[in-house]
Amino acid sequence: MATSRELDAKNYLEKHKILELMDNLTSMLFFHRPERPCEFLITQLEKLKLARTTSRDYPCLFNESNLEAIFGILDPTRQGYITLGQYKEALNTIGLKQVDAFPQGADYNRITLETFKKEAKDGLLKSSATFKS
């Protein structure tokens, strides 16, 4: 059974999205592999702060071309769509756990590139927007 102190700590981490922030920063470190990791992390935190105060895009590991490449891998014959299962697995693989389970096209098991990119961007924005005051 968790103690009051453990519950307080858990609630604090959830409220301020600390674990998500650390996951994002760690992923960025592994992806970019900067020569000066501490400076890189400081820059990323400054970008998060700036994005929060100016409504700019949050720093994100995946950009539009990355999402198009992922979709292309899943649609090698260029049908123009992927299955709902592929959609869910791809978004889970890039770290998005809470996504729209039935996006546009799910009824026909055909998720288009546009739907995939929209859902991925929405999820990435939510997961990247981890800096809160």
N, C-alpha and C. Protein backbone atom coordinates (compact mmCIF):
# COMPACT_ATOMS: atom_id res chain seq x y z
N MET A 1 0.84 -1.17 0.00
CA MET A 1 0.00 0.00 0.00
C MET A 1 0.89 1.24 0.00
N ALA A 2 0.54 2.20 -0.87
CA ALA A 2 1.32 3.42 -1.00
C ALA A 2 1.09 4.35 0.20
N THR A 3 2.17 4.98 0.61
CA THR A 3 2.07 5.93 1.71
C THR A 3 1.54 7.27 1.18
N SER A 4 1.18 8.13 2.10
CA SER A 4 0.68 9.45 1.73
C SER A 4 1.75 10.22 0.94
N ARG A 5 2.98 10.08 1.37
CA ARG A 5 4.09 10.76 0.69
C ARG A 5 4.27 10.24 -0.73
N GLU A 6 4.16 8.92 -0.91
CA GLU A 6 4.27 8.33 -2.25
C GLU A 6 3.13 8.79 -3.15
N LEU A 7 1.93 8.87 -2.61
CA LEU A 7 0.78 9.34 -3.39
C LEU A 7 0.95 10.81 -3.77
N ASP A 8 1.45 11.61 -2.83
CA ASP A 8 1.71 13.02 -3.14
C ASP A 8 2.72 13.15 -4.28
N ALA A 9 3.78 12.35 -4.21
CA ALA A 9 4.80 12.39 -5.25
C ALA A 9 4.22 11.97 -6.60
N LYS A 10 3.43 10.91 -6.60
CA LYS A 10 2.80 10.42 -7.83
C LYS A 10 1.89 11.49 -8.43
N ASN A 11 1.08 12.10 -7.59
CA ASN A 11 0.16 13.15 -8.05
C ASN A 11 0.92 14.35 -8.61
N TYR A 12 2.01 14.71 -7.96
CA TYR A 12 2.83 15.83 -8.42
C TYR A 12 3.40 15.52 -9.81
N LEU A 13 3.97 14.33 -9.97
CA LEU A 13 4.55 13.94 -11.26
C LEU A 13 3.49 13.95 -12.37
N GLU A 14 2.30 13.45 -12.06
CA GLU A 14 1.22 13.42 -13.05
C GLU A 14 0.73 14.83 -13.38
N LYS A 15 0.53 15.63 -12.36
CA LYS A 15 0.01 16.99 -12.54
C LYS A 15 0.92 17.81 -13.45
N HIS A 16 2.21 17.70 -13.24
CA HIS A 16 3.16 18.51 -13.98
C HIS A 16 3.78 17.77 -15.17
N LYS A 17 3.31 16.58 -15.45
CA LYS A 17 3.76 15.77 -16.59
C LYS A 17 5.29 15.60 -16.61
N ILE A 18 5.84 15.39 -15.44
CA ILE A 18 7.30 15.28 -15.31
C ILE A 18 7.83 14.04 -16.04
N LEU A 19 7.15 12.90 -15.91
CA LEU A 19 7.64 11.69 -16.58
C LEU A 19 7.60 11.84 -18.09
N GLU A 20 6.54 12.48 -18.61
CA GLU A 20 6.45 12.70 -20.05
C GLU A 20 7.56 13.64 -20.52
N LEU A 21 7.81 14.68 -19.71
CA LEU A 21 8.88 15.62 -20.04
C LEU A 21 10.22 14.89 -20.11
N MET A 22 10.51 14.07 -19.11
CA MET A 22 11.78 13.35 -19.09
C MET A 22 11.87 12.36 -20.26
N ASP A 23 10.76 11.69 -20.58
CA ASP A 23 10.74 10.78 -21.73
C ASP A 23 11.06 11.53 -23.01
N ASN A 24 10.42 12.69 -23.19
CA ASN A 24 10.65 13.49 -24.40
C ASN A 24 12.10 13.96 -24.49
N LEU A 25 12.63 14.46 -23.40
CA LEU A 25 13.99 14.95 -23.40
C LEU A 25 14.99 13.81 -23.66
N THR A 26 14.74 12.67 -23.06
CA THR A 26 15.63 11.52 -23.27
C THR A 26 15.57 11.06 -24.72
N SER A 27 14.38 11.02 -25.29
CA SER A 27 14.24 10.63 -26.70
C SER A 27 14.98 11.59 -27.61
N MET A 28 14.85 12.89 -27.33
CA MET A 28 15.56 13.88 -28.13
C MET A 28 17.07 13.71 -28.02
N LEU A 29 17.55 13.41 -26.82
CA LEU A 29 18.99 13.17 -26.64
C LEU A 29 19.47 12.00 -27.48
N PHE A 30 18.74 10.89 -27.44
CA PHE A 30 19.15 9.71 -28.20
C PHE A 30 19.05 9.94 -29.70
N PHE A 31 18.06 10.70 -30.12
CA PHE A 31 17.87 10.96 -31.54
C PHE A 31 18.95 11.88 -32.08
N HIS A 32 19.20 12.99 -31.40
CA HIS A 32 20.14 14.00 -31.89
C HIS A 32 21.59 13.72 -31.48
N ARG A 33 21.79 13.05 -30.37
CA ARG A 33 23.12 12.73 -29.85
C ARG A 33 24.07 13.94 -29.89
N PRO A 34 23.69 15.00 -29.20
CA PRO A 34 24.53 16.21 -29.24
C PRO A 34 25.86 16.01 -28.53
N GLU A 35 26.86 16.76 -28.98
CA GLU A 35 28.19 16.71 -28.36
C GLU A 35 28.15 17.26 -26.94
N ARG A 36 27.24 18.21 -26.71
CA ARG A 36 27.12 18.85 -25.40
C ARG A 36 25.69 18.63 -24.90
N PRO A 37 25.43 17.48 -24.30
CA PRO A 37 24.06 17.14 -23.91
C PRO A 37 23.42 18.10 -22.90
N CYS A 38 24.18 18.61 -21.97
CA CYS A 38 23.59 19.53 -20.98
C CYS A 38 23.11 20.81 -21.65
N GLU A 39 23.92 21.35 -22.55
CA GLU A 39 23.50 22.56 -23.27
C GLU A 39 22.28 22.26 -24.16
N PHE A 40 22.29 21.09 -24.77
CA PHE A 40 21.16 20.69 -25.60
C PHE A 40 19.87 20.65 -24.77
N LEU A 41 19.94 20.04 -23.60
CA LEU A 41 18.76 19.95 -22.73
C LEU A 41 18.29 21.33 -22.29
N ILE A 42 19.23 22.19 -21.95
CA ILE A 42 18.86 23.56 -21.56
C ILE A 42 18.15 24.26 -22.72
N THR A 43 18.68 24.09 -23.93
CA THR A 43 18.05 24.70 -25.11
C THR A 43 16.65 24.17 -25.31
N GLN A 44 16.46 22.87 -25.15
CA GLN A 44 15.13 22.28 -25.32
C GLN A 44 14.15 22.82 -24.28
N LEU A 45 14.61 22.95 -23.05
CA LEU A 45 13.75 23.51 -22.00
C LEU A 45 13.43 24.98 -22.28
N GLU A 46 14.39 25.72 -22.80
CA GLU A 46 14.13 27.11 -23.17
C GLU A 46 13.11 27.19 -24.30
N LYS A 47 13.20 26.26 -25.26
CA LYS A 47 12.23 26.22 -26.36
C LYS A 47 10.83 25.90 -25.83
N LEU A 48 10.75 24.98 -24.88
CA LEU A 48 9.45 24.66 -24.28
C LEU A 48 8.87 25.89 -23.57
N LYS A 49 9.71 26.59 -22.86
CA LYS A 49 9.25 27.79 -22.15
C LYS A 49 8.79 28.85 -23.14
N LEU A 50 9.56 29.07 -24.19
CA LEU A 50 9.20 30.04 -25.21
C LEU A 50 7.89 29.65 -25.90
N ALA A 51 7.74 28.38 -26.21
CA ALA A 51 6.52 27.91 -26.86
C ALA A 51 5.31 28.14 -25.96
N ARG A 52 5.49 27.93 -24.69
CA ARG A 52 4.39 28.13 -23.74
C ARG A 52 3.98 29.59 -23.66
N THR A 53 4.94 30.48 -23.67
CA THR A 53 4.63 31.89 -23.50
C THR A 53 4.23 32.60 -24.79
N THR A 54 4.57 32.02 -25.95
CA THR A 54 4.29 32.69 -27.23
C THR A 54 3.34 31.90 -28.12
N SER A 55 2.86 30.76 -27.67
CA SER A 55 1.98 29.89 -28.46
C SER A 55 2.65 29.38 -29.73
N ARG A 56 3.95 29.22 -29.70
CA ARG A 56 4.67 28.63 -30.82
C ARG A 56 4.62 27.12 -30.70
N ASP A 57 5.08 26.45 -31.78
CA ASP A 57 5.12 24.99 -31.75
C ASP A 57 6.13 24.52 -30.71
N TYR A 58 5.78 23.45 -30.03
CA TYR A 58 6.68 22.86 -29.06
C TYR A 58 7.75 22.06 -29.78
N PRO A 59 8.95 21.96 -29.21
CA PRO A 59 9.97 21.12 -29.81
C PRO A 59 9.47 19.68 -29.88
N CYS A 60 9.72 19.05 -30.99
CA CYS A 60 9.19 17.70 -31.19
C CYS A 60 10.22 16.86 -31.92
N LEU A 61 10.25 15.60 -31.60
CA LEU A 61 11.20 14.68 -32.20
C LEU A 61 10.85 14.37 -33.66
N PHE A 62 9.57 14.31 -33.98
CA PHE A 62 9.13 13.93 -35.32
C PHE A 62 8.56 15.13 -36.06
N ASN A 63 9.02 15.33 -37.29
CA ASN A 63 8.44 16.39 -38.11
C ASN A 63 7.58 15.75 -39.21
N GLU A 64 7.03 16.58 -40.06
CA GLU A 64 6.10 16.08 -41.08
C GLU A 64 6.76 15.07 -42.01
N SER A 65 7.99 15.32 -42.41
CA SER A 65 8.65 14.36 -43.32
C SER A 65 8.90 13.02 -42.63
N ASN A 66 9.15 13.04 -41.32
CA ASN A 66 9.31 11.79 -40.59
C ASN A 66 8.00 11.00 -40.58
N LEU A 67 6.89 11.71 -40.38
CA LEU A 67 5.58 11.05 -40.36
C LEU A 67 5.24 10.48 -41.74
N GLU A 68 5.58 11.22 -42.79
CA GLU A 68 5.35 10.73 -44.14
C GLU A 68 6.19 9.49 -44.42
N ALA A 69 7.41 9.48 -43.91
CA ALA A 69 8.28 8.32 -44.10
C ALA A 69 7.73 7.09 -43.37
N ILE A 70 7.24 7.30 -42.17
CA ILE A 70 6.63 6.19 -41.42
C ILE A 70 5.44 5.64 -42.19
N PHE A 71 4.58 6.53 -42.66
CA PHE A 71 3.41 6.11 -43.42
C PHE A 71 3.85 5.35 -44.67
N GLY A 72 4.87 5.87 -45.36
CA GLY A 72 5.37 5.22 -46.58
C GLY A 72 5.88 3.82 -46.33
N ILE A 73 6.50 3.60 -45.20
CA ILE A 73 6.98 2.26 -44.85
C ILE A 73 5.79 1.31 -44.67
N LEU A 74 4.72 1.84 -44.09
CA LEU A 74 3.53 1.02 -43.85
C LEU A 74 2.67 0.84 -45.11
N ASP A 75 2.89 1.68 -46.10
CA ASP A 75 2.14 1.63 -47.35
C ASP A 75 3.12 1.52 -48.53
N PRO A 76 3.87 0.41 -48.59
CA PRO A 76 4.92 0.30 -49.62
C PRO A 76 4.37 0.24 -51.05
N THR A 77 3.13 -0.19 -51.23
CA THR A 77 2.55 -0.25 -52.58
C THR A 77 1.82 1.03 -52.95
N ARG A 78 1.90 2.02 -52.08
CA ARG A 78 1.32 3.35 -52.31
C ARG A 78 -0.18 3.29 -52.64
N GLN A 79 -0.90 2.55 -51.81
CA GLN A 79 -2.35 2.48 -51.96
C GLN A 79 -3.01 3.79 -51.52
N GLY A 80 -2.31 4.52 -50.64
CA GLY A 80 -2.85 5.77 -50.13
C GLY A 80 -3.52 5.62 -48.78
N TYR A 81 -3.42 4.45 -48.20
CA TYR A 81 -3.99 4.23 -46.88
C TYR A 81 -3.27 3.09 -46.18
N ILE A 82 -3.44 3.07 -44.86
CA ILE A 82 -2.95 1.96 -44.04
C ILE A 82 -4.13 1.45 -43.22
N THR A 83 -3.94 0.30 -42.59
CA THR A 83 -5.03 -0.27 -41.80
C THR A 83 -5.09 0.41 -40.43
N LEU A 84 -6.21 0.21 -39.77
CA LEU A 84 -6.38 0.76 -38.43
C LEU A 84 -5.33 0.16 -37.48
N GLY A 85 -5.05 -1.11 -37.62
CA GLY A 85 -4.03 -1.76 -36.80
C GLY A 85 -2.65 -1.16 -37.02
N GLN A 86 -2.31 -0.89 -38.29
CA GLN A 86 -1.02 -0.27 -38.59
C GLN A 86 -0.95 1.14 -37.99
N TYR A 87 -2.03 1.86 -38.11
CA TYR A 87 -2.13 3.21 -37.55
C TYR A 87 -1.85 3.19 -36.05
N LYS A 88 -2.55 2.31 -35.34
CA LYS A 88 -2.40 2.24 -33.89
C LYS A 88 -0.98 1.82 -33.50
N GLU A 89 -0.44 0.83 -34.19
CA GLU A 89 0.89 0.34 -33.87
C GLU A 89 1.95 1.40 -34.17
N ALA A 90 1.81 2.10 -35.27
CA ALA A 90 2.78 3.14 -35.63
C ALA A 90 2.78 4.25 -34.59
N LEU A 91 1.61 4.71 -34.19
CA LEU A 91 1.56 5.79 -33.20
C LEU A 91 2.07 5.32 -31.84
N ASN A 92 1.78 4.08 -31.51
CA ASN A 92 2.31 3.53 -30.26
C ASN A 92 3.84 3.45 -30.32
N THR A 93 4.37 3.07 -31.47
CA THR A 93 5.81 2.94 -31.63
C THR A 93 6.53 4.27 -31.47
N ILE A 94 5.90 5.37 -31.91
CA ILE A 94 6.55 6.67 -31.76
C ILE A 94 6.23 7.31 -30.40
N GLY A 95 5.62 6.53 -29.53
CA GLY A 95 5.43 6.97 -28.16
C GLY A 95 4.09 7.58 -27.83
N LEU A 96 3.14 7.47 -28.73
CA LEU A 96 1.81 8.03 -28.48
C LEU A 96 0.90 6.94 -27.97
N LYS A 97 0.56 7.02 -26.72
CA LYS A 97 -0.25 5.98 -26.09
C LYS A 97 -1.74 6.28 -26.14
N GLN A 98 -2.09 7.54 -26.06
CA GLN A 98 -3.51 7.92 -26.05
C GLN A 98 -3.84 8.63 -27.36
N VAL A 99 -4.35 7.85 -28.30
CA VAL A 99 -4.71 8.39 -29.61
C VAL A 99 -6.17 8.08 -29.88
N ASP A 100 -6.71 8.74 -30.89
CA ASP A 100 -8.08 8.49 -31.31
C ASP A 100 -8.15 7.04 -31.79
N ALA A 101 -8.89 6.21 -31.09
CA ALA A 101 -8.99 4.79 -31.43
C ALA A 101 -9.74 4.55 -32.73
N PHE A 102 -10.59 5.48 -33.12
CA PHE A 102 -11.37 5.34 -34.35
C PHE A 102 -11.34 6.64 -35.16
N PRO A 103 -10.17 6.94 -35.76
CA PRO A 103 -10.06 8.16 -36.54
C PRO A 103 -10.84 8.05 -37.85
N GLN A 104 -10.87 9.15 -38.58
CA GLN A 104 -11.53 9.14 -39.88
C GLN A 104 -10.95 8.01 -40.73
N GLY A 105 -11.82 7.20 -41.30
CA GLY A 105 -11.40 6.07 -42.13
C GLY A 105 -11.40 4.75 -41.39
N ALA A 106 -11.54 4.78 -40.08
CA ALA A 106 -11.50 3.54 -39.29
C ALA A 106 -12.65 2.60 -39.65
N ASP A 107 -13.80 3.16 -39.99
CA ASP A 107 -14.95 2.33 -40.35
C ASP A 107 -14.66 1.43 -41.55
N TYR A 108 -13.77 1.89 -42.43
CA TYR A 108 -13.43 1.13 -43.64
C TYR A 108 -12.05 0.49 -43.55
N ASN A 109 -11.41 0.62 -42.36
CA ASN A 109 -10.07 0.09 -42.13
C ASN A 109 -9.07 0.69 -43.12
N ARG A 110 -9.26 1.98 -43.42
CA ARG A 110 -8.40 2.70 -44.36
C ARG A 110 -8.08 4.09 -43.78
N ILE A 111 -6.90 4.21 -43.23
CA ILE A 111 -6.45 5.46 -42.65
C ILE A 111 -5.54 6.15 -43.68
N THR A 112 -5.93 7.32 -44.14
CA THR A 112 -5.14 8.03 -45.14
C THR A 112 -3.93 8.71 -44.51
N LEU A 113 -3.02 9.15 -45.37
CA LEU A 113 -1.84 9.87 -44.91
C LEU A 113 -2.24 11.13 -44.16
N GLU A 114 -3.21 11.86 -44.68
CA GLU A 114 -3.64 13.09 -44.02
C GLU A 114 -4.19 12.83 -42.61
N THR A 115 -5.01 11.79 -42.48
CA THR A 115 -5.54 11.44 -41.16
C THR A 115 -4.42 11.00 -40.24
N PHE A 116 -3.51 10.19 -40.76
CA PHE A 116 -2.39 9.71 -39.97
C PHE A 116 -1.56 10.89 -39.46
N LYS A 117 -1.22 11.83 -40.36
CA LYS A 117 -0.41 12.98 -39.96
C LYS A 117 -1.15 13.86 -38.95
N LYS A 118 -2.43 14.07 -39.16
CA LYS A 118 -3.22 14.91 -38.25
C LYS A 118 -3.23 14.29 -36.85
N GLU A 119 -3.54 13.01 -36.78
CA GLU A 119 -3.62 12.33 -35.48
C GLU A 119 -2.24 12.28 -34.81
N ALA A 120 -1.20 12.03 -35.60
CA ALA A 120 0.15 11.98 -35.04
C ALA A 120 0.57 13.35 -34.53
N LYS A 121 0.31 14.39 -35.32
CA LYS A 121 0.68 15.75 -34.90
C LYS A 121 -0.08 16.15 -33.63
N ASP A 122 -1.36 15.83 -33.59
CA ASP A 122 -2.15 16.15 -32.39
C ASP A 122 -1.57 15.45 -31.17
N GLY A 123 -1.26 14.16 -31.32
CA GLY A 123 -0.70 13.39 -30.22
C GLY A 123 0.68 13.88 -29.82
N LEU A 124 1.50 14.21 -30.81
CA LEU A 124 2.85 14.70 -30.52
C LEU A 124 2.79 16.06 -29.85
N LEU A 125 1.86 16.89 -30.27
CA LEU A 125 1.71 18.20 -29.63
C LEU A 125 1.34 18.03 -28.16
N LYS A 126 0.40 17.13 -27.89
CA LYS A 126 0.00 16.89 -26.51
C LYS A 126 1.15 16.33 -25.68
N SER A 127 1.89 15.40 -26.27
CA SER A 127 2.98 14.78 -25.50
C SER A 127 4.18 15.70 -25.38
N SER A 128 4.35 16.62 -26.34
CA SER A 128 5.48 17.56 -26.28
C SER A 128 5.17 18.75 -25.39
N ALA A 129 3.92 19.04 -25.20
CA ALA A 129 3.53 20.21 -24.41
C ALA A 129 3.58 19.86 -22.92
N THR A 130 4.73 19.43 -22.49
CA THR A 130 4.86 18.94 -21.12
C THR A 130 5.30 19.99 -20.13
N PHE A 131 5.60 21.16 -20.59
CA PHE A 131 6.06 22.20 -19.67
C PHE A 131 4.85 23.01 -19.21
N LYS A 132 4.59 22.96 -17.94
CA LYS A 132 3.48 23.73 -17.35
C LYS A 132 3.99 24.51 -16.19
N SER A 133 3.39 25.66 -16.00
CA SER A 133 3.80 26.46 -14.83
C SER A 133 3.04 26.03 -13.60
